[in-house]
Amino acid sequence: MKKTGAILLLVLIICTTVSNLGAGRTDAASVIQIYGNHGLIAPAAAPYIHNGTVMIPVDAIRKLDIPGVTLSWNPQQKKAIIKQANQQISIIVTRPFIEVNGQRLQSAEKATFQNGRIFVPVRVIVEALGEPVVWNAENRIVAIGRAVSTTN
């Protein structure tokens, strides 16, 4: 009986290991590429789609090379602040809107925490910064700023 139990345990361990081999792997077809003003950017964490909205890590906004953009974080308020010239965008995690110079602007999705990072809906943020945004669903590419004309 002990031998049968040991064999069953071994089979269970092998099956679990084999089924988990693909866990955490990113299928190339599911990768979302982000192009900013100076080409392809490499965000610190992978963008994803939630309810039809592309979400990117907030620190990727810096890598888009939008002139004059700075980023800061207020941990007490769970608020990211993006500044550009005389414009300020405030994003509070879990709120369904952003504030642009104090005015609320509805967002398709709320900013969220994922694996210790803040993810934001790319379109509403980038458009608030005055840059064009295009989503190419077939190729899973987000083009921003000057990249709009070069990736389409």
N, C-alpha and C. Protein backbone atom coordinates (compact mmCIF):
# COMPACT_ATOMS: atom_id res chain seq x y z
N MET A 1 0.82 -1.19 0.00
CA MET A 1 0.00 0.00 0.00
C MET A 1 0.87 1.26 0.00
N LYS A 2 1.96 1.22 0.79
CA LYS A 2 2.86 2.38 0.85
C LYS A 2 3.47 2.63 -0.52
N LYS A 3 3.79 1.56 -1.25
CA LYS A 3 4.41 1.69 -2.56
C LYS A 3 3.42 2.34 -3.54
N THR A 4 2.15 1.94 -3.49
CA THR A 4 1.13 2.51 -4.37
C THR A 4 0.93 3.99 -4.05
N GLY A 5 0.92 4.34 -2.78
CA GLY A 5 0.78 5.74 -2.38
C GLY A 5 1.96 6.57 -2.84
N ALA A 6 3.16 6.03 -2.74
CA ALA A 6 4.36 6.75 -3.18
C ALA A 6 4.34 6.95 -4.69
N ILE A 7 3.88 5.93 -5.42
CA ILE A 7 3.81 6.04 -6.88
C ILE A 7 2.77 7.09 -7.28
N LEU A 8 1.63 7.09 -6.63
CA LEU A 8 0.60 8.09 -6.91
C LEU A 8 1.09 9.51 -6.62
N LEU A 9 1.81 9.65 -5.51
CA LEU A 9 2.37 10.95 -5.16
C LEU A 9 3.37 11.40 -6.21
N LEU A 10 4.22 10.48 -6.66
CA LEU A 10 5.22 10.80 -7.68
C LEU A 10 4.53 11.21 -8.98
N VAL A 11 3.49 10.49 -9.39
CA VAL A 11 2.74 10.82 -10.60
C VAL A 11 2.11 12.20 -10.47
N LEU A 12 1.54 12.49 -9.31
CA LEU A 12 0.93 13.80 -9.07
C LEU A 12 1.96 14.92 -9.19
N ILE A 13 3.12 14.72 -8.60
CA ILE A 13 4.19 15.73 -8.67
C ILE A 13 4.63 15.95 -10.10
N ILE A 14 4.81 14.86 -10.85
CA ILE A 14 5.24 14.98 -12.25
C ILE A 14 4.19 15.71 -13.07
N CYS A 15 2.91 15.35 -12.89
CA CYS A 15 1.83 16.00 -13.65
C CYS A 15 1.75 17.49 -13.33
N THR A 16 1.88 17.83 -12.07
CA THR A 16 1.84 19.23 -11.66
C THR A 16 3.00 20.00 -12.25
N THR A 17 4.19 19.42 -12.23
CA THR A 17 5.38 20.07 -12.78
C THR A 17 5.23 20.29 -14.27
N VAL A 18 4.78 19.28 -14.99
CA VAL A 18 4.62 19.39 -16.44
C VAL A 18 3.56 20.43 -16.78
N SER A 19 2.44 20.46 -16.06
CA SER A 19 1.39 21.44 -16.37
C SER A 19 1.81 22.86 -16.05
N ASN A 20 2.78 23.05 -15.15
CA ASN A 20 3.24 24.39 -14.79
C ASN A 20 4.41 24.88 -15.62
N LEU A 21 4.93 24.05 -16.51
CA LEU A 21 6.09 24.48 -17.30
C LEU A 21 5.80 25.72 -18.12
N GLY A 22 4.58 25.89 -18.60
CA GLY A 22 4.24 27.06 -19.39
C GLY A 22 3.78 28.24 -18.57
N ALA A 23 3.62 28.07 -17.27
CA ALA A 23 3.13 29.16 -16.42
C ALA A 23 4.11 30.31 -16.43
N GLY A 24 3.60 31.53 -16.56
CA GLY A 24 4.46 32.71 -16.53
C GLY A 24 5.08 33.02 -17.88
N ARG A 25 4.87 32.15 -18.85
CA ARG A 25 5.45 32.38 -20.16
C ARG A 25 4.57 33.35 -20.92
N THR A 26 5.17 34.24 -21.67
CA THR A 26 4.40 35.19 -22.46
C THR A 26 4.41 34.75 -23.91
N ASP A 27 3.25 34.48 -24.45
CA ASP A 27 3.12 34.11 -25.84
C ASP A 27 3.43 35.33 -26.68
N ALA A 28 4.26 35.16 -27.71
CA ALA A 28 4.66 36.30 -28.55
C ALA A 28 3.45 37.01 -29.14
N ALA A 29 2.38 36.27 -29.41
CA ALA A 29 1.18 36.88 -29.99
C ALA A 29 0.46 37.77 -28.98
N SER A 30 0.74 37.62 -27.69
CA SER A 30 0.04 38.42 -26.69
C SER A 30 0.84 39.64 -26.24
N VAL A 31 2.06 39.77 -26.70
CA VAL A 31 2.90 40.90 -26.30
C VAL A 31 2.37 42.19 -26.93
N ILE A 32 2.31 43.23 -26.12
CA ILE A 32 1.89 44.54 -26.60
C ILE A 32 3.14 45.40 -26.72
N GLN A 33 3.35 45.96 -27.89
CA GLN A 33 4.50 46.83 -28.12
C GLN A 33 4.05 48.28 -28.02
N ILE A 34 4.90 49.10 -27.41
CA ILE A 34 4.62 50.52 -27.25
C ILE A 34 5.71 51.30 -27.99
N TYR A 35 5.27 52.16 -28.90
CA TYR A 35 6.19 53.02 -29.63
C TYR A 35 5.96 54.46 -29.20
N GLY A 36 7.03 55.11 -28.76
CA GLY A 36 6.97 56.51 -28.38
C GLY A 36 7.60 57.38 -29.45
N ASN A 37 7.91 58.61 -29.11
CA ASN A 37 8.45 59.55 -30.08
C ASN A 37 9.79 59.13 -30.68
N HIS A 38 10.54 58.29 -29.99
CA HIS A 38 11.83 57.85 -30.51
C HIS A 38 11.89 56.35 -30.72
N GLY A 39 10.76 55.72 -30.96
CA GLY A 39 10.74 54.30 -31.29
C GLY A 39 10.21 53.42 -30.18
N LEU A 40 10.51 52.14 -30.31
CA LEU A 40 10.02 51.12 -29.39
C LEU A 40 10.58 51.35 -28.00
N ILE A 41 9.70 51.29 -27.00
CA ILE A 41 10.17 51.45 -25.62
C ILE A 41 10.09 50.10 -24.92
N ALA A 42 10.85 49.97 -23.86
CA ALA A 42 10.86 48.74 -23.06
C ALA A 42 10.38 49.07 -21.66
N PRO A 43 9.08 48.94 -21.40
CA PRO A 43 8.58 49.22 -20.05
C PRO A 43 9.16 48.22 -19.05
N ALA A 44 9.23 48.63 -17.80
CA ALA A 44 9.75 47.77 -16.74
C ALA A 44 8.85 46.56 -16.49
N ALA A 45 7.58 46.66 -16.86
CA ALA A 45 6.62 45.56 -16.73
C ALA A 45 5.76 45.55 -17.99
N ALA A 46 5.29 44.38 -18.34
CA ALA A 46 4.54 44.21 -19.59
C ALA A 46 3.18 44.90 -19.55
N PRO A 47 2.86 45.66 -20.59
CA PRO A 47 1.52 46.23 -20.72
C PRO A 47 0.50 45.09 -20.88
N TYR A 48 -0.74 45.38 -20.56
CA TYR A 48 -1.79 44.38 -20.73
C TYR A 48 -3.08 45.08 -21.11
N ILE A 49 -4.07 44.29 -21.51
CA ILE A 49 -5.37 44.83 -21.88
C ILE A 49 -6.38 44.42 -20.81
N HIS A 50 -7.14 45.39 -20.32
CA HIS A 50 -8.20 45.12 -19.36
C HIS A 50 -9.47 45.77 -19.87
N ASN A 51 -10.49 44.96 -20.12
CA ASN A 51 -11.77 45.45 -20.64
C ASN A 51 -11.59 46.33 -21.88
N GLY A 52 -10.69 45.93 -22.77
CA GLY A 52 -10.47 46.66 -24.02
C GLY A 52 -9.57 47.88 -23.91
N THR A 53 -9.00 48.12 -22.73
CA THR A 53 -8.13 49.27 -22.52
C THR A 53 -6.70 48.81 -22.29
N VAL A 54 -5.76 49.40 -23.03
CA VAL A 54 -4.34 49.06 -22.84
C VAL A 54 -3.85 49.77 -21.58
N MET A 55 -3.30 48.99 -20.67
CA MET A 55 -2.76 49.50 -19.42
C MET A 55 -1.23 49.38 -19.47
N ILE A 56 -0.55 50.46 -19.09
CA ILE A 56 0.92 50.43 -19.06
C ILE A 56 1.40 50.87 -17.69
N PRO A 57 2.60 50.43 -17.30
CA PRO A 57 3.13 50.92 -16.03
C PRO A 57 3.34 52.43 -16.12
N VAL A 58 2.97 53.15 -15.09
CA VAL A 58 3.01 54.62 -15.14
C VAL A 58 4.41 55.14 -15.42
N ASP A 59 5.44 54.42 -14.96
CA ASP A 59 6.80 54.92 -15.22
C ASP A 59 7.19 54.82 -16.69
N ALA A 60 6.43 54.08 -17.50
CA ALA A 60 6.70 54.01 -18.93
C ALA A 60 6.37 55.34 -19.62
N ILE A 61 5.57 56.19 -18.98
CA ILE A 61 5.23 57.50 -19.56
C ILE A 61 6.51 58.29 -19.83
N ARG A 62 7.49 58.19 -18.93
CA ARG A 62 8.77 58.90 -19.13
C ARG A 62 9.48 58.43 -20.40
N LYS A 63 9.37 57.15 -20.69
CA LYS A 63 10.11 56.57 -21.82
C LYS A 63 9.50 56.92 -23.17
N LEU A 64 8.31 57.52 -23.17
CA LEU A 64 7.66 57.87 -24.43
C LEU A 64 8.32 59.07 -25.10
N ASP A 65 9.20 59.75 -24.38
CA ASP A 65 9.90 60.93 -24.90
C ASP A 65 8.96 62.04 -25.32
N ILE A 66 7.94 62.26 -24.49
CA ILE A 66 7.06 63.41 -24.68
C ILE A 66 7.76 64.60 -24.03
N PRO A 67 8.03 65.65 -24.79
CA PRO A 67 8.83 66.76 -24.27
C PRO A 67 8.30 67.34 -22.95
N GLY A 68 9.22 67.54 -21.99
CA GLY A 68 8.92 68.22 -20.74
C GLY A 68 8.15 67.43 -19.71
N VAL A 69 7.94 66.13 -19.91
CA VAL A 69 7.14 65.34 -18.97
C VAL A 69 7.99 64.88 -17.78
N THR A 70 7.44 65.12 -16.58
CA THR A 70 8.05 64.60 -15.35
C THR A 70 7.00 63.79 -14.62
N LEU A 71 7.47 62.91 -13.77
CA LEU A 71 6.57 62.00 -13.05
C LEU A 71 6.97 61.96 -11.59
N SER A 72 5.97 62.01 -10.70
CA SER A 72 6.25 61.85 -9.26
C SER A 72 5.16 60.98 -8.65
N TRP A 73 5.42 60.51 -7.44
CA TRP A 73 4.50 59.59 -6.75
C TRP A 73 4.30 60.05 -5.32
N ASN A 74 3.05 60.12 -4.89
CA ASN A 74 2.71 60.43 -3.52
C ASN A 74 2.14 59.16 -2.88
N PRO A 75 2.97 58.43 -2.09
CA PRO A 75 2.52 57.15 -1.55
C PRO A 75 1.37 57.27 -0.55
N GLN A 76 1.30 58.36 0.21
CA GLN A 76 0.21 58.51 1.17
C GLN A 76 -1.14 58.60 0.48
N GLN A 77 -1.20 59.31 -0.62
CA GLN A 77 -2.45 59.47 -1.37
C GLN A 77 -2.63 58.45 -2.48
N LYS A 78 -1.60 57.61 -2.69
CA LYS A 78 -1.60 56.65 -3.80
C LYS A 78 -1.89 57.37 -5.11
N LYS A 79 -1.11 58.45 -5.30
CA LYS A 79 -1.35 59.32 -6.44
C LYS A 79 -0.07 59.51 -7.26
N ALA A 80 -0.20 59.29 -8.57
CA ALA A 80 0.88 59.61 -9.50
C ALA A 80 0.58 60.97 -10.09
N ILE A 81 1.63 61.79 -10.22
CA ILE A 81 1.47 63.13 -10.78
C ILE A 81 2.40 63.26 -11.99
N ILE A 82 1.79 63.59 -13.12
CA ILE A 82 2.55 63.80 -14.35
C ILE A 82 2.45 65.28 -14.68
N LYS A 83 3.60 65.90 -14.86
CA LYS A 83 3.62 67.33 -15.19
C LYS A 83 4.28 67.54 -16.54
N GLN A 84 3.75 68.54 -17.23
CA GLN A 84 4.31 68.96 -18.51
C GLN A 84 4.00 70.45 -18.66
N ALA A 85 5.05 71.26 -18.67
CA ALA A 85 4.89 72.72 -18.75
C ALA A 85 3.90 73.19 -17.70
N ASN A 86 2.78 73.78 -18.10
CA ASN A 86 1.81 74.29 -17.12
C ASN A 86 0.63 73.33 -16.94
N GLN A 87 0.83 72.07 -17.25
CA GLN A 87 -0.22 71.07 -17.12
C GLN A 87 0.14 70.05 -16.05
N GLN A 88 -0.86 69.65 -15.27
CA GLN A 88 -0.64 68.63 -14.26
C GLN A 88 -1.74 67.59 -14.36
N ILE A 89 -1.33 66.33 -14.43
CA ILE A 89 -2.28 65.21 -14.47
C ILE A 89 -2.10 64.42 -13.19
N SER A 90 -3.19 64.24 -12.46
CA SER A 90 -3.17 63.46 -11.22
C SER A 90 -3.95 62.17 -11.43
N ILE A 91 -3.34 61.07 -11.03
CA ILE A 91 -3.96 59.76 -11.19
C ILE A 91 -3.96 59.10 -9.82
N ILE A 92 -5.13 58.89 -9.27
CA ILE A 92 -5.25 58.21 -7.97
C ILE A 92 -5.68 56.78 -8.24
N VAL A 93 -4.93 55.85 -7.70
CA VAL A 93 -5.19 54.44 -7.92
C VAL A 93 -6.60 54.09 -7.47
N THR A 94 -7.30 53.33 -8.27
CA THR A 94 -8.67 52.82 -8.09
C THR A 94 -9.77 53.85 -8.35
N ARG A 95 -9.45 55.05 -8.76
CA ARG A 95 -10.50 56.02 -9.10
C ARG A 95 -10.76 55.96 -10.61
N PRO A 96 -12.01 56.08 -11.04
CA PRO A 96 -12.35 55.93 -12.46
C PRO A 96 -12.15 57.21 -13.28
N PHE A 97 -11.31 58.09 -12.81
CA PHE A 97 -11.06 59.33 -13.53
C PHE A 97 -9.62 59.77 -13.25
N ILE A 98 -9.15 60.70 -14.08
CA ILE A 98 -7.90 61.40 -13.82
C ILE A 98 -8.26 62.87 -13.66
N GLU A 99 -7.36 63.62 -13.10
CA GLU A 99 -7.58 65.07 -13.02
C GLU A 99 -6.52 65.76 -13.87
N VAL A 100 -6.99 66.64 -14.74
CA VAL A 100 -6.09 67.42 -15.58
C VAL A 100 -6.28 68.87 -15.17
N ASN A 101 -5.27 69.44 -14.54
CA ASN A 101 -5.34 70.81 -14.00
C ASN A 101 -6.57 71.00 -13.12
N GLY A 102 -6.86 69.99 -12.29
CA GLY A 102 -7.97 70.06 -11.36
C GLY A 102 -9.32 69.66 -11.91
N GLN A 103 -9.44 69.47 -13.22
CA GLN A 103 -10.71 69.08 -13.84
C GLN A 103 -10.75 67.56 -14.02
N ARG A 104 -11.85 66.96 -13.59
CA ARG A 104 -11.99 65.51 -13.74
C ARG A 104 -12.23 65.11 -15.19
N LEU A 105 -11.55 64.06 -15.60
CA LEU A 105 -11.69 63.51 -16.94
C LEU A 105 -11.94 62.02 -16.78
N GLN A 106 -13.11 61.54 -17.25
CA GLN A 106 -13.45 60.13 -17.11
C GLN A 106 -12.42 59.27 -17.83
N SER A 107 -12.14 58.15 -17.25
CA SER A 107 -11.20 57.20 -17.82
C SER A 107 -11.92 55.89 -18.08
N ALA A 108 -11.55 55.20 -19.15
CA ALA A 108 -12.17 53.91 -19.47
C ALA A 108 -11.90 52.88 -18.38
N GLU A 109 -10.74 52.98 -17.75
CA GLU A 109 -10.35 52.06 -16.68
C GLU A 109 -9.67 52.82 -15.56
N LYS A 110 -9.70 52.26 -14.37
CA LYS A 110 -9.03 52.84 -13.22
C LYS A 110 -7.55 52.46 -13.24
N ALA A 111 -6.72 53.31 -12.69
CA ALA A 111 -5.33 52.93 -12.45
C ALA A 111 -5.35 51.81 -11.40
N THR A 112 -4.43 50.86 -11.53
CA THR A 112 -4.40 49.72 -10.62
C THR A 112 -2.98 49.41 -10.17
N PHE A 113 -2.89 48.67 -9.07
CA PHE A 113 -1.61 48.11 -8.64
C PHE A 113 -1.53 46.69 -9.17
N GLN A 114 -0.42 46.34 -9.79
CA GLN A 114 -0.16 44.98 -10.25
C GLN A 114 1.30 44.67 -9.96
N ASN A 115 1.55 43.66 -9.17
CA ASN A 115 2.93 43.25 -8.87
C ASN A 115 3.81 44.42 -8.42
N GLY A 116 3.26 45.26 -7.55
CA GLY A 116 4.03 46.37 -6.99
C GLY A 116 4.19 47.58 -7.89
N ARG A 117 3.50 47.59 -9.02
CA ARG A 117 3.58 48.71 -9.97
C ARG A 117 2.20 49.30 -10.19
N ILE A 118 2.19 50.57 -10.56
CA ILE A 118 0.93 51.23 -10.91
C ILE A 118 0.78 51.15 -12.42
N PHE A 119 -0.37 50.67 -12.87
CA PHE A 119 -0.69 50.62 -14.29
C PHE A 119 -1.79 51.63 -14.56
N VAL A 120 -1.65 52.34 -15.67
CA VAL A 120 -2.60 53.38 -16.04
C VAL A 120 -3.12 53.14 -17.46
N PRO A 121 -4.33 53.63 -17.75
CA PRO A 121 -4.85 53.52 -19.11
C PRO A 121 -4.08 54.49 -20.02
N VAL A 122 -3.37 53.94 -20.99
CA VAL A 122 -2.45 54.74 -21.78
C VAL A 122 -3.15 55.85 -22.57
N ARG A 123 -4.26 55.54 -23.20
CA ARG A 123 -4.88 56.53 -24.09
C ARG A 123 -5.26 57.82 -23.37
N VAL A 124 -5.98 57.74 -22.26
CA VAL A 124 -6.46 58.95 -21.59
C VAL A 124 -5.28 59.79 -21.09
N ILE A 125 -4.22 59.16 -20.63
CA ILE A 125 -3.06 59.90 -20.12
C ILE A 125 -2.34 60.61 -21.27
N VAL A 126 -2.04 59.87 -22.32
CA VAL A 126 -1.28 60.43 -23.43
C VAL A 126 -2.07 61.51 -24.16
N GLU A 127 -3.36 61.29 -24.35
CA GLU A 127 -4.17 62.33 -24.99
C GLU A 127 -4.26 63.59 -24.12
N ALA A 128 -4.29 63.42 -22.80
CA ALA A 128 -4.29 64.58 -21.90
C ALA A 128 -2.98 65.36 -22.03
N LEU A 129 -1.91 64.68 -22.44
CA LEU A 129 -0.62 65.35 -22.66
C LEU A 129 -0.54 65.95 -24.06
N GLY A 130 -1.63 65.82 -24.82
CA GLY A 130 -1.68 66.45 -26.15
C GLY A 130 -1.04 65.64 -27.26
N GLU A 131 -0.81 64.37 -27.03
CA GLU A 131 -0.17 63.52 -28.05
C GLU A 131 -1.21 62.58 -28.66
N PRO A 132 -1.07 62.30 -29.96
CA PRO A 132 -1.98 61.34 -30.58
C PRO A 132 -1.63 59.90 -30.15
N VAL A 133 -2.64 59.05 -30.15
CA VAL A 133 -2.47 57.64 -29.78
C VAL A 133 -3.24 56.80 -30.79
N VAL A 134 -2.60 55.74 -31.28
CA VAL A 134 -3.26 54.81 -32.18
C VAL A 134 -3.01 53.39 -31.68
N TRP A 135 -4.07 52.59 -31.65
CA TRP A 135 -3.97 51.18 -31.27
C TRP A 135 -4.14 50.33 -32.53
N ASN A 136 -3.14 49.52 -32.84
CA ASN A 136 -3.20 48.58 -33.95
C ASN A 136 -3.46 47.21 -33.34
N ALA A 137 -4.73 46.80 -33.31
CA ALA A 137 -5.13 45.56 -32.64
C ALA A 137 -4.52 44.33 -33.30
N GLU A 138 -4.45 44.34 -34.62
CA GLU A 138 -3.92 43.17 -35.33
C GLU A 138 -2.48 42.87 -34.94
N ASN A 139 -1.66 43.91 -34.84
CA ASN A 139 -0.25 43.74 -34.49
C ASN A 139 0.06 43.99 -33.02
N ARG A 140 -0.98 44.39 -32.26
CA ARG A 140 -0.86 44.66 -30.82
C ARG A 140 0.21 45.73 -30.55
N ILE A 141 0.05 46.85 -31.25
CA ILE A 141 0.99 47.96 -31.14
C ILE A 141 0.23 49.22 -30.72
N VAL A 142 0.79 49.93 -29.72
CA VAL A 142 0.31 51.25 -29.36
C VAL A 142 1.35 52.23 -29.90
N ALA A 143 0.91 53.14 -30.75
CA ALA A 143 1.80 54.17 -31.31
C ALA A 143 1.41 55.51 -30.72
N ILE A 144 2.42 56.24 -30.27
CA ILE A 144 2.19 57.51 -29.56
C ILE A 144 3.07 58.59 -30.18
N GLY A 145 2.49 59.79 -30.33
CA GLY A 145 3.26 60.92 -30.84
C GLY A 145 3.70 60.71 -32.27
N ARG A 146 4.97 60.98 -32.53
CA ARG A 146 5.51 60.83 -33.90
C ARG A 146 5.44 59.39 -34.40
N ALA A 147 5.39 58.43 -33.48
CA ALA A 147 5.33 57.02 -33.87
C ALA A 147 4.01 56.69 -34.59
N VAL A 148 2.98 57.52 -34.43
CA VAL A 148 1.69 57.27 -35.07
C VAL A 148 1.87 57.20 -36.58
N SER A 149 2.66 58.09 -37.14
CA SER A 149 2.84 58.12 -38.60
C SER A 149 3.83 57.06 -39.09
N THR A 150 4.69 56.56 -38.23
CA THR A 150 5.71 55.60 -38.69
C THR A 150 5.33 54.14 -38.47
N THR A 151 4.32 53.86 -37.65
CA THR A 151 3.96 52.46 -37.38
C THR A 151 2.69 52.03 -38.09
N ASN A 152 2.02 52.94 -38.78
CA ASN A 152 0.78 52.58 -39.47
C ASN A 152 1.01 52.31 -40.94
